[in-house]
Amino acid sequence: MARDELNTEAAEGERDRRFHGGAPAHLDDDELARRTDEERADAGVIDYDPAGVPPATDDPVPFDPQADNDEQDIEGVTARQEAEGETTPLSADNPFPPTRYAES
């Protein structure tokens, strides 16, 4: 007969389904402590179990800005804005930000 893993409210460990569904004769204190810690961590009352967290990577992921399309798009827009004078700082001679409307 196959044993099913039941996650019931009572900390009873592995349950044998051949017996009645009442309260078990002996509760598993270790299972109860594990579930209590898990619920406290889920609620944010205590820190997560360090053993349950995957290890961090040792080597940083390499990043090449020359190969990144988004980085190249940003550089292109910045170069165009500087060439057209759109990035000049505001001053007494230039009190307004640049406009896209044609001056007539």
N, C-alpha and C. Protein backbone atom coordinates (compact mmCIF):
# COMPACT_ATOMS: atom_id res chain seq x y z
N MET A 1 0.84 -1.17 0.00
CA MET A 1 0.00 0.00 0.00
C MET A 1 0.90 1.24 0.00
N ALA A 2 0.60 2.18 -0.86
CA ALA A 2 1.42 3.39 -0.97
C ALA A 2 1.10 4.34 0.17
N ARG A 3 2.13 5.01 0.65
CA ARG A 3 1.94 5.99 1.73
C ARG A 3 1.87 7.38 1.11
N ASP A 4 0.86 8.12 1.46
CA ASP A 4 0.70 9.48 0.96
C ASP A 4 1.28 10.45 1.97
N GLU A 5 1.97 11.47 1.46
CA GLU A 5 2.50 12.52 2.33
C GLU A 5 1.39 13.54 2.56
N LEU A 6 0.83 13.59 3.74
CA LEU A 6 -0.22 14.53 4.05
C LEU A 6 0.34 15.67 4.88
N ASN A 7 -0.01 16.88 4.51
CA ASN A 7 0.40 18.06 5.27
C ASN A 7 -0.81 18.54 6.05
N THR A 8 -1.03 17.94 7.21
CA THR A 8 -2.19 18.28 8.02
C THR A 8 -1.81 19.35 9.03
N GLU A 9 -2.81 19.85 9.74
CA GLU A 9 -2.57 20.89 10.73
C GLU A 9 -1.78 20.36 11.93
N ALA A 10 -2.03 19.12 12.31
CA ALA A 10 -1.32 18.55 13.46
C ALA A 10 0.07 18.10 13.02
N ALA A 11 1.03 18.27 13.89
CA ALA A 11 2.40 17.87 13.57
C ALA A 11 2.56 16.39 13.89
N GLU A 12 2.08 15.57 12.99
CA GLU A 12 2.07 14.15 13.28
C GLU A 12 3.05 13.37 12.45
N GLY A 13 3.84 14.05 11.63
CA GLY A 13 4.83 13.35 10.81
C GLY A 13 4.14 12.54 9.72
N GLU A 14 4.66 11.36 9.43
CA GLU A 14 4.04 10.52 8.41
C GLU A 14 2.79 9.87 8.98
N ARG A 15 1.72 9.90 8.22
CA ARG A 15 0.44 9.39 8.70
C ARG A 15 0.10 8.10 7.97
N ASP A 16 -0.31 7.12 8.72
CA ASP A 16 -0.74 5.85 8.14
C ASP A 16 -2.23 5.93 7.94
N ARG A 17 -2.69 5.87 6.71
CA ARG A 17 -4.10 6.08 6.40
C ARG A 17 -4.97 4.87 6.76
N ARG A 18 -4.37 3.81 7.22
CA ARG A 18 -5.16 2.63 7.58
C ARG A 18 -5.86 2.80 8.93
N PHE A 19 -5.43 3.79 9.72
CA PHE A 19 -6.02 3.99 11.03
C PHE A 19 -7.02 5.13 10.98
N HIS A 20 -7.73 5.34 12.07
CA HIS A 20 -8.79 6.35 12.13
C HIS A 20 -8.21 7.75 11.95
N GLY A 21 -9.08 8.69 11.65
CA GLY A 21 -8.66 10.05 11.36
C GLY A 21 -8.61 10.95 12.57
N GLY A 22 -8.71 10.42 13.75
CA GLY A 22 -8.67 11.25 14.95
C GLY A 22 -7.27 11.75 15.24
N ALA A 23 -7.12 12.35 16.38
CA ALA A 23 -5.82 12.88 16.78
C ALA A 23 -4.83 11.73 16.98
N PRO A 24 -3.59 11.91 16.55
CA PRO A 24 -2.62 10.84 16.72
C PRO A 24 -2.24 10.67 18.19
N ALA A 25 -1.79 9.49 18.52
CA ALA A 25 -1.41 9.22 19.90
C ALA A 25 -0.16 9.99 20.30
N HIS A 26 0.78 10.17 19.38
CA HIS A 26 2.03 10.87 19.69
C HIS A 26 2.31 11.89 18.59
N LEU A 27 2.37 13.15 18.96
CA LEU A 27 2.73 14.20 18.01
C LEU A 27 4.23 14.24 17.86
N ASP A 28 4.68 14.59 16.68
CA ASP A 28 6.11 14.68 16.40
C ASP A 28 6.57 16.10 16.76
N ASP A 29 7.30 16.24 17.86
CA ASP A 29 7.74 17.56 18.33
C ASP A 29 8.70 18.22 17.35
N ASP A 30 9.55 17.44 16.69
CA ASP A 30 10.48 18.02 15.71
C ASP A 30 9.72 18.60 14.52
N GLU A 31 8.70 17.87 14.07
CA GLU A 31 7.89 18.36 12.95
C GLU A 31 7.13 19.62 13.35
N LEU A 32 6.62 19.65 14.56
CA LEU A 32 5.92 20.83 15.05
C LEU A 32 6.87 22.03 15.12
N ALA A 33 8.08 21.83 15.60
CA ALA A 33 9.06 22.93 15.68
C ALA A 33 9.45 23.41 14.29
N ARG A 34 9.63 22.49 13.34
CA ARG A 34 9.98 22.86 11.97
C ARG A 34 8.87 23.69 11.34
N ARG A 35 7.63 23.26 11.51
CA ARG A 35 6.51 23.99 10.91
C ARG A 35 6.33 25.36 11.58
N THR A 36 6.55 25.43 12.88
CA THR A 36 6.44 26.70 13.59
C THR A 36 7.48 27.69 13.08
N ASP A 37 8.73 27.23 12.92
CA ASP A 37 9.78 28.10 12.39
C ASP A 37 9.46 28.54 10.97
N GLU A 38 8.93 27.63 10.16
CA GLU A 38 8.58 27.97 8.78
C GLU A 38 7.48 29.02 8.73
N GLU A 39 6.47 28.88 9.58
CA GLU A 39 5.39 29.86 9.61
C GLU A 39 5.88 31.21 10.13
N ARG A 40 6.76 31.21 11.10
CA ARG A 40 7.31 32.48 11.61
C ARG A 40 8.15 33.17 10.55
N ALA A 41 8.91 32.41 9.77
CA ALA A 41 9.72 33.00 8.70
C ALA A 41 8.81 33.55 7.60
N ASP A 42 7.73 32.82 7.27
CA ASP A 42 6.79 33.31 6.25
C ASP A 42 6.10 34.59 6.71
N ALA A 43 5.84 34.70 8.01
CA ALA A 43 5.19 35.89 8.55
C ALA A 43 6.17 37.06 8.74
N GLY A 44 7.47 36.79 8.63
CA GLY A 44 8.47 37.85 8.78
C GLY A 44 8.86 38.11 10.22
N VAL A 45 8.47 37.23 11.13
CA VAL A 45 8.79 37.43 12.54
C VAL A 45 10.26 37.09 12.81
N ILE A 46 10.77 36.06 12.14
CA ILE A 46 12.17 35.67 12.29
C ILE A 46 12.81 35.62 10.91
N ASP A 47 14.15 35.57 10.88
CA ASP A 47 14.87 35.47 9.62
C ASP A 47 14.66 34.10 9.01
N TYR A 48 14.89 34.03 7.72
CA TYR A 48 14.79 32.75 7.04
C TYR A 48 15.91 31.83 7.48
N ASP A 49 15.66 30.56 7.31
CA ASP A 49 16.66 29.55 7.64
C ASP A 49 17.80 29.67 6.63
N PRO A 50 19.05 29.93 7.07
CA PRO A 50 20.15 30.07 6.12
C PRO A 50 20.38 28.82 5.31
N ALA A 51 20.01 27.66 5.84
CA ALA A 51 20.21 26.42 5.09
C ALA A 51 19.23 26.33 3.93
N GLY A 52 18.12 27.05 3.98
CA GLY A 52 17.13 27.00 2.93
C GLY A 52 17.35 28.00 1.82
N VAL A 53 18.36 28.85 1.94
CA VAL A 53 18.64 29.87 0.94
C VAL A 53 19.73 29.35 0.01
N PRO A 54 19.53 29.47 -1.30
CA PRO A 54 20.58 28.99 -2.21
C PRO A 54 21.84 29.84 -2.09
N PRO A 55 23.00 29.26 -2.34
CA PRO A 55 24.24 30.02 -2.23
C PRO A 55 24.34 31.09 -3.32
N ALA A 56 25.00 32.17 -2.97
CA ALA A 56 25.22 33.24 -3.94
C ALA A 56 26.32 32.83 -4.92
N THR A 57 26.30 33.46 -6.08
CA THR A 57 27.35 33.15 -7.05
C THR A 57 28.65 33.82 -6.62
N ASP A 58 29.74 33.15 -6.86
CA ASP A 58 31.04 33.70 -6.50
C ASP A 58 31.51 34.72 -7.53
N ASP A 59 31.31 34.43 -8.80
CA ASP A 59 31.78 35.30 -9.85
C ASP A 59 30.66 36.23 -10.30
N PRO A 60 30.95 37.53 -10.44
CA PRO A 60 29.91 38.42 -10.95
C PRO A 60 29.64 38.12 -12.43
N VAL A 61 28.43 38.40 -12.82
CA VAL A 61 28.05 38.18 -14.21
C VAL A 61 28.73 39.24 -15.06
N PRO A 62 29.46 38.86 -16.11
CA PRO A 62 30.15 39.86 -16.92
C PRO A 62 29.15 40.72 -17.71
N PHE A 63 29.46 42.00 -17.83
CA PHE A 63 28.61 42.94 -18.56
C PHE A 63 29.48 43.72 -19.54
N ASP A 64 29.10 43.68 -20.80
CA ASP A 64 29.82 44.40 -21.83
C ASP A 64 28.90 45.47 -22.40
N PRO A 65 29.12 46.76 -22.09
CA PRO A 65 28.23 47.80 -22.59
C PRO A 65 28.26 47.93 -24.11
N GLN A 66 29.36 47.53 -24.74
CA GLN A 66 29.44 47.61 -26.19
C GLN A 66 28.51 46.61 -26.86
N ALA A 67 28.17 45.52 -26.19
CA ALA A 67 27.32 44.49 -26.77
C ALA A 67 25.86 44.65 -26.37
N ASP A 68 25.55 45.60 -25.46
CA ASP A 68 24.19 45.78 -24.98
C ASP A 68 23.44 46.76 -25.88
N ASN A 69 22.32 46.32 -26.45
CA ASN A 69 21.55 47.17 -27.36
C ASN A 69 20.95 48.38 -26.66
N ASP A 70 20.45 48.21 -25.45
CA ASP A 70 19.87 49.33 -24.72
C ASP A 70 20.93 50.39 -24.43
N GLU A 71 22.10 49.94 -24.04
CA GLU A 71 23.19 50.89 -23.75
C GLU A 71 23.59 51.65 -25.01
N GLN A 72 23.62 50.98 -26.15
CA GLN A 72 23.96 51.63 -27.41
C GLN A 72 22.88 52.65 -27.82
N ASP A 73 21.60 52.32 -27.58
CA ASP A 73 20.53 53.27 -27.89
C ASP A 73 20.64 54.52 -27.03
N ILE A 74 20.94 54.35 -25.76
CA ILE A 74 21.08 55.50 -24.87
C ILE A 74 22.26 56.37 -25.30
N GLU A 75 23.36 55.74 -25.64
CA GLU A 75 24.53 56.49 -26.10
C GLU A 75 24.23 57.26 -27.39
N GLY A 76 23.46 56.64 -28.29
CA GLY A 76 23.10 57.30 -29.55
C GLY A 76 22.22 58.52 -29.32
N VAL A 77 21.23 58.40 -28.45
CA VAL A 77 20.34 59.52 -28.15
C VAL A 77 21.12 60.63 -27.46
N THR A 78 22.00 60.28 -26.55
CA THR A 78 22.80 61.27 -25.84
C THR A 78 23.72 62.01 -26.81
N ALA A 79 24.35 61.28 -27.71
CA ALA A 79 25.24 61.93 -28.69
C ALA A 79 24.46 62.87 -29.60
N ARG A 80 23.25 62.49 -30.04
CA ARG A 80 22.43 63.35 -30.89
C ARG A 80 22.02 64.61 -30.13
N GLN A 81 21.61 64.45 -28.86
CA GLN A 81 21.18 65.61 -28.09
C GLN A 81 22.34 66.58 -27.86
N GLU A 82 23.52 66.07 -27.62
CA GLU A 82 24.68 66.95 -27.43
C GLU A 82 25.05 67.65 -28.74
N ALA A 83 24.94 66.94 -29.87
CA ALA A 83 25.27 67.55 -31.16
C ALA A 83 24.28 68.64 -31.53
N GLU A 84 23.01 68.49 -31.16
CA GLU A 84 22.00 69.49 -31.49
C GLU A 84 21.87 70.57 -30.43
N GLY A 85 22.67 70.51 -29.38
CA GLY A 85 22.66 71.55 -28.35
C GLY A 85 21.49 71.43 -27.39
N GLU A 86 20.89 70.28 -27.27
CA GLU A 86 19.75 70.11 -26.38
C GLU A 86 20.16 69.94 -24.93
N THR A 87 21.41 69.73 -24.66
CA THR A 87 21.83 69.47 -23.29
C THR A 87 22.59 70.65 -22.68
N THR A 88 22.45 71.82 -23.25
CA THR A 88 23.13 72.99 -22.68
C THR A 88 22.48 73.34 -21.34
N PRO A 89 23.28 73.71 -20.35
CA PRO A 89 22.72 74.03 -19.03
C PRO A 89 21.93 75.33 -19.08
N LEU A 90 20.97 75.43 -18.17
CA LEU A 90 20.18 76.65 -18.09
C LEU A 90 21.03 77.76 -17.48
N SER A 91 20.93 78.96 -18.07
CA SER A 91 21.71 80.10 -17.58
C SER A 91 20.91 81.36 -17.89
N ALA A 92 21.52 82.50 -17.61
CA ALA A 92 20.84 83.77 -17.89
C ALA A 92 20.66 83.95 -19.40
N ASP A 93 21.60 83.48 -20.19
CA ASP A 93 21.48 83.58 -21.65
C ASP A 93 20.53 82.52 -22.21
N ASN A 94 20.40 81.42 -21.52
CA ASN A 94 19.57 80.31 -21.99
C ASN A 94 18.63 79.91 -20.84
N PRO A 95 17.56 80.70 -20.57
CA PRO A 95 16.75 80.44 -19.38
C PRO A 95 15.69 79.34 -19.54
N PHE A 96 15.46 78.88 -20.76
CA PHE A 96 14.40 77.90 -20.99
C PHE A 96 14.98 76.59 -21.51
N PRO A 97 14.34 75.48 -21.17
CA PRO A 97 14.79 74.22 -21.73
C PRO A 97 14.51 74.17 -23.23
N PRO A 98 15.18 73.28 -23.94
CA PRO A 98 14.97 73.24 -25.39
C PRO A 98 13.55 72.79 -25.74
N THR A 99 13.10 73.27 -26.89
CA THR A 99 11.76 72.92 -27.36
C THR A 99 11.85 72.19 -28.69
N ARG A 100 10.87 71.42 -29.01
CA ARG A 100 10.84 70.68 -30.27
C ARG A 100 10.04 71.45 -31.33
N TYR A 101 9.41 72.58 -30.95
CA TYR A 101 8.63 73.35 -31.89
C TYR A 101 9.54 74.18 -32.78
N ALA A 102 9.15 74.32 -34.02
CA ALA A 102 9.94 75.13 -34.96
C ALA A 102 9.74 76.61 -34.60
N GLU A 103 10.85 77.33 -34.60
CA GLU A 103 10.77 78.76 -34.29
C GLU A 103 10.48 79.50 -35.58
N SER A 104 9.48 80.41 -35.53
CA SER A 104 9.16 81.15 -36.75
C SER A 104 9.27 82.63 -36.54
